[in-house]
Amino acid sequence: MNITLASSSMPTTAANPAAVKSVLKNEKAARDFEALLLTPVLDSLQKTFAGDAEDSKTPGASDYRQMGSQALAQAIAARGGIGIAQLVLRHLQPPKVSGGG
């Protein structure tokens, strides 16, 4: 499932470049935050399924595994993730106020 965050929160007109830049900045921050939360989860899963192999005793193996988990988490978050980025973006949007007039 490929979800683009920009299409849901991007203003319909690009008349205000500062607003567009702000939206894109918020979306990147939300995706990065989701990746940050996913990394330890994926790292724990990888440790669980890897078992006690000889490769885990190799110097630098844990660092290499951590880099792989980070890359996987960033890729998952960039493609829509598990919904954390959407929740963060929804929370960052200004409240909608009805006209009431």
N, C-alpha and C. Protein backbone atom coordinates (compact mmCIF):
# COMPACT_ATOMS: atom_id res chain seq x y z
N MET A 1 0.85 -1.16 0.00
CA MET A 1 0.00 0.00 0.00
C MET A 1 0.89 1.23 0.00
N ASN A 2 0.73 2.09 -0.99
CA ASN A 2 1.55 3.26 -1.13
C ASN A 2 0.71 4.49 -0.85
N ILE A 3 0.95 5.14 0.28
CA ILE A 3 0.20 6.31 0.69
C ILE A 3 1.11 7.51 0.63
N THR A 4 0.68 8.54 -0.08
CA THR A 4 1.45 9.77 -0.15
C THR A 4 0.84 10.75 0.83
N LEU A 5 1.63 11.21 1.76
CA LEU A 5 1.13 12.14 2.76
C LEU A 5 0.86 13.50 2.14
N ALA A 6 1.67 13.90 1.17
CA ALA A 6 1.55 15.24 0.60
C ALA A 6 0.19 15.47 -0.05
N SER A 7 -0.38 14.46 -0.65
CA SER A 7 -1.64 14.66 -1.35
C SER A 7 -2.79 14.94 -0.40
N SER A 8 -2.72 14.45 0.82
CA SER A 8 -3.82 14.65 1.75
C SER A 8 -3.75 15.98 2.48
N SER A 9 -2.56 16.54 2.65
CA SER A 9 -2.46 17.75 3.45
C SER A 9 -1.97 18.95 2.66
N MET A 10 -1.61 18.78 1.41
CA MET A 10 -1.10 19.86 0.59
C MET A 10 -2.23 20.79 0.19
N PRO A 11 -2.03 22.11 0.32
CA PRO A 11 -3.06 23.04 -0.12
C PRO A 11 -3.33 22.87 -1.62
N THR A 12 -4.56 23.16 -2.03
CA THR A 12 -4.92 22.97 -3.43
C THR A 12 -4.22 23.96 -4.33
N THR A 13 -3.83 25.08 -3.83
CA THR A 13 -3.12 26.06 -4.64
C THR A 13 -1.74 26.31 -4.05
N ALA A 14 -0.80 26.53 -4.93
CA ALA A 14 0.57 26.78 -4.48
C ALA A 14 0.83 28.27 -4.39
N ALA A 15 -0.20 29.06 -4.06
CA ALA A 15 -0.07 30.50 -3.98
C ALA A 15 0.81 30.92 -2.81
N ASN A 16 0.89 30.11 -1.79
CA ASN A 16 1.69 30.45 -0.62
C ASN A 16 2.83 29.45 -0.48
N PRO A 17 4.00 29.77 -1.05
CA PRO A 17 5.13 28.82 -0.99
C PRO A 17 5.57 28.52 0.43
N ALA A 18 5.42 29.47 1.34
CA ALA A 18 5.82 29.24 2.73
C ALA A 18 4.93 28.18 3.37
N ALA A 19 3.64 28.20 3.06
CA ALA A 19 2.72 27.20 3.61
C ALA A 19 3.03 25.81 3.05
N VAL A 20 3.34 25.76 1.76
CA VAL A 20 3.68 24.47 1.14
C VAL A 20 4.96 23.93 1.75
N LYS A 21 5.94 24.80 1.95
CA LYS A 21 7.21 24.38 2.54
C LYS A 21 7.00 23.87 3.97
N SER A 22 6.12 24.55 4.71
CA SER A 22 5.82 24.14 6.07
C SER A 22 5.15 22.77 6.11
N VAL A 23 4.21 22.54 5.18
CA VAL A 23 3.52 21.24 5.11
C VAL A 23 4.52 20.14 4.79
N LEU A 24 5.39 20.37 3.82
CA LEU A 24 6.39 19.36 3.45
C LEU A 24 7.35 19.09 4.60
N LYS A 25 7.72 20.13 5.32
CA LYS A 25 8.62 19.97 6.47
C LYS A 25 7.95 19.14 7.56
N ASN A 26 6.67 19.41 7.82
CA ASN A 26 5.93 18.63 8.82
C ASN A 26 5.79 17.17 8.40
N GLU A 27 5.55 16.93 7.11
CA GLU A 27 5.41 15.55 6.64
C GLU A 27 6.72 14.78 6.78
N LYS A 28 7.83 15.43 6.46
CA LYS A 28 9.13 14.76 6.60
C LYS A 28 9.40 14.46 8.08
N ALA A 29 9.10 15.42 8.95
CA ALA A 29 9.30 15.20 10.38
C ALA A 29 8.44 14.06 10.89
N ALA A 30 7.20 13.97 10.42
CA ALA A 30 6.30 12.90 10.85
C ALA A 30 6.80 11.54 10.38
N ARG A 31 7.27 11.46 9.13
CA ARG A 31 7.82 10.20 8.61
C ARG A 31 9.08 9.80 9.38
N ASP A 32 9.96 10.78 9.65
CA ASP A 32 11.18 10.50 10.40
C ASP A 32 10.87 10.02 11.82
N PHE A 33 9.85 10.62 12.43
CA PHE A 33 9.45 10.21 13.77
C PHE A 33 8.92 8.77 13.76
N GLU A 34 8.12 8.45 12.76
CA GLU A 34 7.60 7.09 12.66
C GLU A 34 8.74 6.09 12.45
N ALA A 35 9.69 6.45 11.62
CA ALA A 35 10.85 5.57 11.40
C ALA A 35 11.64 5.39 12.69
N LEU A 36 11.76 6.46 13.46
CA LEU A 36 12.47 6.40 14.74
C LEU A 36 11.78 5.43 15.70
N LEU A 37 10.46 5.41 15.69
CA LEU A 37 9.72 4.49 16.56
C LEU A 37 9.74 3.06 16.04
N LEU A 38 9.79 2.89 14.73
CA LEU A 38 9.79 1.54 14.15
C LEU A 38 11.14 0.84 14.27
N THR A 39 12.23 1.60 14.32
CA THR A 39 13.57 1.01 14.32
C THR A 39 13.78 0.01 15.46
N PRO A 40 13.51 0.35 16.73
CA PRO A 40 13.74 -0.66 17.78
C PRO A 40 12.83 -1.88 17.66
N VAL A 41 11.62 -1.67 17.14
CA VAL A 41 10.71 -2.80 16.96
C VAL A 41 11.28 -3.78 15.94
N LEU A 42 11.72 -3.24 14.81
CA LEU A 42 12.29 -4.09 13.76
C LEU A 42 13.60 -4.73 14.22
N ASP A 43 14.40 -3.99 14.99
CA ASP A 43 15.66 -4.54 15.49
C ASP A 43 15.40 -5.70 16.44
N SER A 44 14.39 -5.56 17.30
CA SER A 44 14.04 -6.66 18.22
C SER A 44 13.55 -7.88 17.46
N LEU A 45 12.74 -7.65 16.42
CA LEU A 45 12.27 -8.77 15.60
C LEU A 45 13.43 -9.48 14.93
N GLN A 46 14.37 -8.71 14.42
CA GLN A 46 15.51 -9.33 13.74
C GLN A 46 16.35 -10.13 14.73
N LYS A 47 16.55 -9.62 15.93
CA LYS A 47 17.30 -10.35 16.95
C LYS A 47 16.59 -11.65 17.31
N THR A 48 15.27 -11.61 17.40
CA THR A 48 14.49 -12.79 17.77
C THR A 48 14.64 -13.89 16.72
N PHE A 49 14.55 -13.52 15.47
CA PHE A 49 14.59 -14.53 14.42
C PHE A 49 16.00 -14.93 14.03
N ALA A 50 17.00 -14.12 14.39
CA ALA A 50 18.38 -14.45 14.03
C ALA A 50 18.93 -15.56 14.91
N GLY A 51 18.47 -15.64 16.13
CA GLY A 51 18.97 -16.66 17.03
C GLY A 51 20.38 -16.33 17.50
N ASP A 52 21.15 -17.34 17.87
CA ASP A 52 22.52 -17.14 18.35
C ASP A 52 23.49 -17.67 17.31
N ALA A 53 23.57 -17.01 16.20
CA ALA A 53 24.47 -17.43 15.12
C ALA A 53 25.87 -16.92 15.39
N GLU A 54 26.82 -17.52 14.71
CA GLU A 54 28.21 -17.10 14.81
C GLU A 54 28.40 -15.68 14.28
N ASP A 55 27.56 -15.27 13.33
CA ASP A 55 27.69 -13.93 12.75
C ASP A 55 27.45 -12.84 13.79
N SER A 56 26.63 -13.13 14.78
CA SER A 56 26.33 -12.11 15.79
C SER A 56 27.53 -11.83 16.68
N LYS A 57 28.51 -12.73 16.69
CA LYS A 57 29.72 -12.54 17.50
C LYS A 57 30.81 -11.79 16.73
N THR A 58 30.58 -11.54 15.46
CA THR A 58 31.54 -10.82 14.64
C THR A 58 31.54 -9.35 15.06
N PRO A 59 32.74 -8.76 15.22
CA PRO A 59 32.78 -7.33 15.58
C PRO A 59 32.05 -6.48 14.54
N GLY A 60 31.20 -5.61 15.02
CA GLY A 60 30.45 -4.72 14.13
C GLY A 60 29.15 -5.28 13.61
N ALA A 61 28.85 -6.53 13.92
CA ALA A 61 27.62 -7.15 13.41
C ALA A 61 26.38 -6.46 13.95
N SER A 62 26.40 -6.07 15.21
CA SER A 62 25.23 -5.41 15.79
C SER A 62 25.03 -4.03 15.16
N ASP A 63 26.11 -3.33 14.86
CA ASP A 63 26.00 -2.03 14.20
C ASP A 63 25.42 -2.18 12.80
N TYR A 64 25.87 -3.19 12.10
CA TYR A 64 25.39 -3.44 10.75
C TYR A 64 23.90 -3.81 10.77
N ARG A 65 23.51 -4.63 11.75
CA ARG A 65 22.10 -5.00 11.90
C ARG A 65 21.26 -3.78 12.22
N GLN A 66 21.77 -2.89 13.08
CA GLN A 66 21.05 -1.66 13.45
C GLN A 66 20.86 -0.76 12.23
N MET A 67 21.89 -0.64 11.40
CA MET A 67 21.77 0.17 10.18
C MET A 67 20.72 -0.41 9.24
N GLY A 68 20.67 -1.72 9.14
CA GLY A 68 19.66 -2.37 8.32
C GLY A 68 18.26 -2.13 8.85
N SER A 69 18.10 -2.19 10.16
CA SER A 69 16.79 -1.93 10.77
C SER A 69 16.36 -0.48 10.54
N GLN A 70 17.29 0.45 10.63
CA GLN A 70 16.98 1.86 10.38
C GLN A 70 16.55 2.09 8.94
N ALA A 71 17.27 1.48 8.01
CA ALA A 71 16.93 1.63 6.59
C ALA A 71 15.55 1.04 6.30
N LEU A 72 15.26 -0.11 6.88
CA LEU A 72 13.95 -0.73 6.68
C LEU A 72 12.85 0.12 7.29
N ALA A 73 13.07 0.66 8.48
CA ALA A 73 12.08 1.51 9.13
C ALA A 73 11.82 2.78 8.32
N GLN A 74 12.86 3.38 7.77
CA GLN A 74 12.69 4.58 6.95
C GLN A 74 11.93 4.26 5.68
N ALA A 75 12.20 3.12 5.07
CA ALA A 75 11.48 2.73 3.86
C ALA A 75 10.00 2.47 4.14
N ILE A 76 9.73 1.82 5.25
CA ILE A 76 8.33 1.56 5.63
C ILE A 76 7.60 2.87 5.89
N ALA A 77 8.22 3.77 6.64
CA ALA A 77 7.60 5.06 6.97
C ALA A 77 7.39 5.91 5.72
N ALA A 78 8.33 5.86 4.78
CA ALA A 78 8.21 6.65 3.55
C ALA A 78 7.05 6.19 2.69
N ARG A 79 6.64 4.95 2.84
CA ARG A 79 5.56 4.40 2.02
C ARG A 79 4.23 4.31 2.77
N GLY A 80 4.10 5.10 3.81
CA GLY A 80 2.84 5.13 4.53
C GLY A 80 2.94 4.56 5.92
N GLY A 81 3.91 3.75 6.18
CA GLY A 81 4.14 3.23 7.52
C GLY A 81 2.97 2.48 8.10
N ILE A 82 2.81 2.62 9.40
CA ILE A 82 1.73 1.94 10.10
C ILE A 82 0.71 2.94 10.64
N GLY A 83 0.80 4.18 10.18
CA GLY A 83 -0.19 5.18 10.54
C GLY A 83 0.24 6.21 11.56
N ILE A 84 1.41 6.07 12.11
CA ILE A 84 1.87 7.01 13.13
C ILE A 84 2.08 8.39 12.53
N ALA A 85 2.68 8.45 11.34
CA ALA A 85 2.93 9.75 10.69
C ALA A 85 1.61 10.47 10.42
N GLN A 86 0.59 9.73 9.99
CA GLN A 86 -0.72 10.34 9.74
C GLN A 86 -1.30 10.94 11.03
N LEU A 87 -1.16 10.22 12.14
CA LEU A 87 -1.66 10.72 13.42
C LEU A 87 -0.93 11.99 13.84
N VAL A 88 0.37 12.00 13.65
CA VAL A 88 1.17 13.18 14.01
C VAL A 88 0.74 14.37 13.15
N LEU A 89 0.60 14.14 11.84
CA LEU A 89 0.19 15.23 10.95
C LEU A 89 -1.21 15.75 11.29
N ARG A 90 -2.11 14.86 11.61
CA ARG A 90 -3.46 15.28 11.98
C ARG A 90 -3.41 16.14 13.24
N HIS A 91 -2.51 15.80 14.14
CA HIS A 91 -2.39 16.56 15.39
C HIS A 91 -1.76 17.94 15.14
N LEU A 92 -0.90 18.05 14.12
CA LEU A 92 -0.23 19.31 13.83
C LEU A 92 -1.10 20.29 13.05
N GLN A 93 -2.16 19.80 12.41
CA GLN A 93 -3.01 20.69 11.62
C GLN A 93 -3.76 21.64 12.54
N PRO A 94 -3.96 22.88 12.06
CA PRO A 94 -4.72 23.82 12.88
C PRO A 94 -6.17 23.35 12.98
N PRO A 95 -6.83 23.64 14.09
CA PRO A 95 -8.22 23.20 14.26
C PRO A 95 -9.13 23.87 13.24
N LYS A 96 -10.11 23.12 12.77
CA LYS A 96 -11.08 23.66 11.82
C LYS A 96 -12.18 24.36 12.62
N VAL A 97 -12.40 25.62 12.27
CA VAL A 97 -13.39 26.42 12.96
C VAL A 97 -14.54 26.69 12.01
N SER A 98 -15.75 26.39 12.44
CA SER A 98 -16.91 26.62 11.59
C SER A 98 -17.26 28.11 11.54
N GLY A 99 -17.87 28.54 10.43
CA GLY A 99 -18.21 29.95 10.24
C GLY A 99 -19.26 30.43 11.22
N GLY A 100 -20.23 29.59 11.52
CA GLY A 100 -21.25 29.91 12.52
C GLY A 100 -22.04 31.19 12.27
N GLY A 101 -21.97 31.76 11.07
CA GLY A 101 -22.61 33.03 10.88
C GLY A 101 -23.92 32.94 10.27
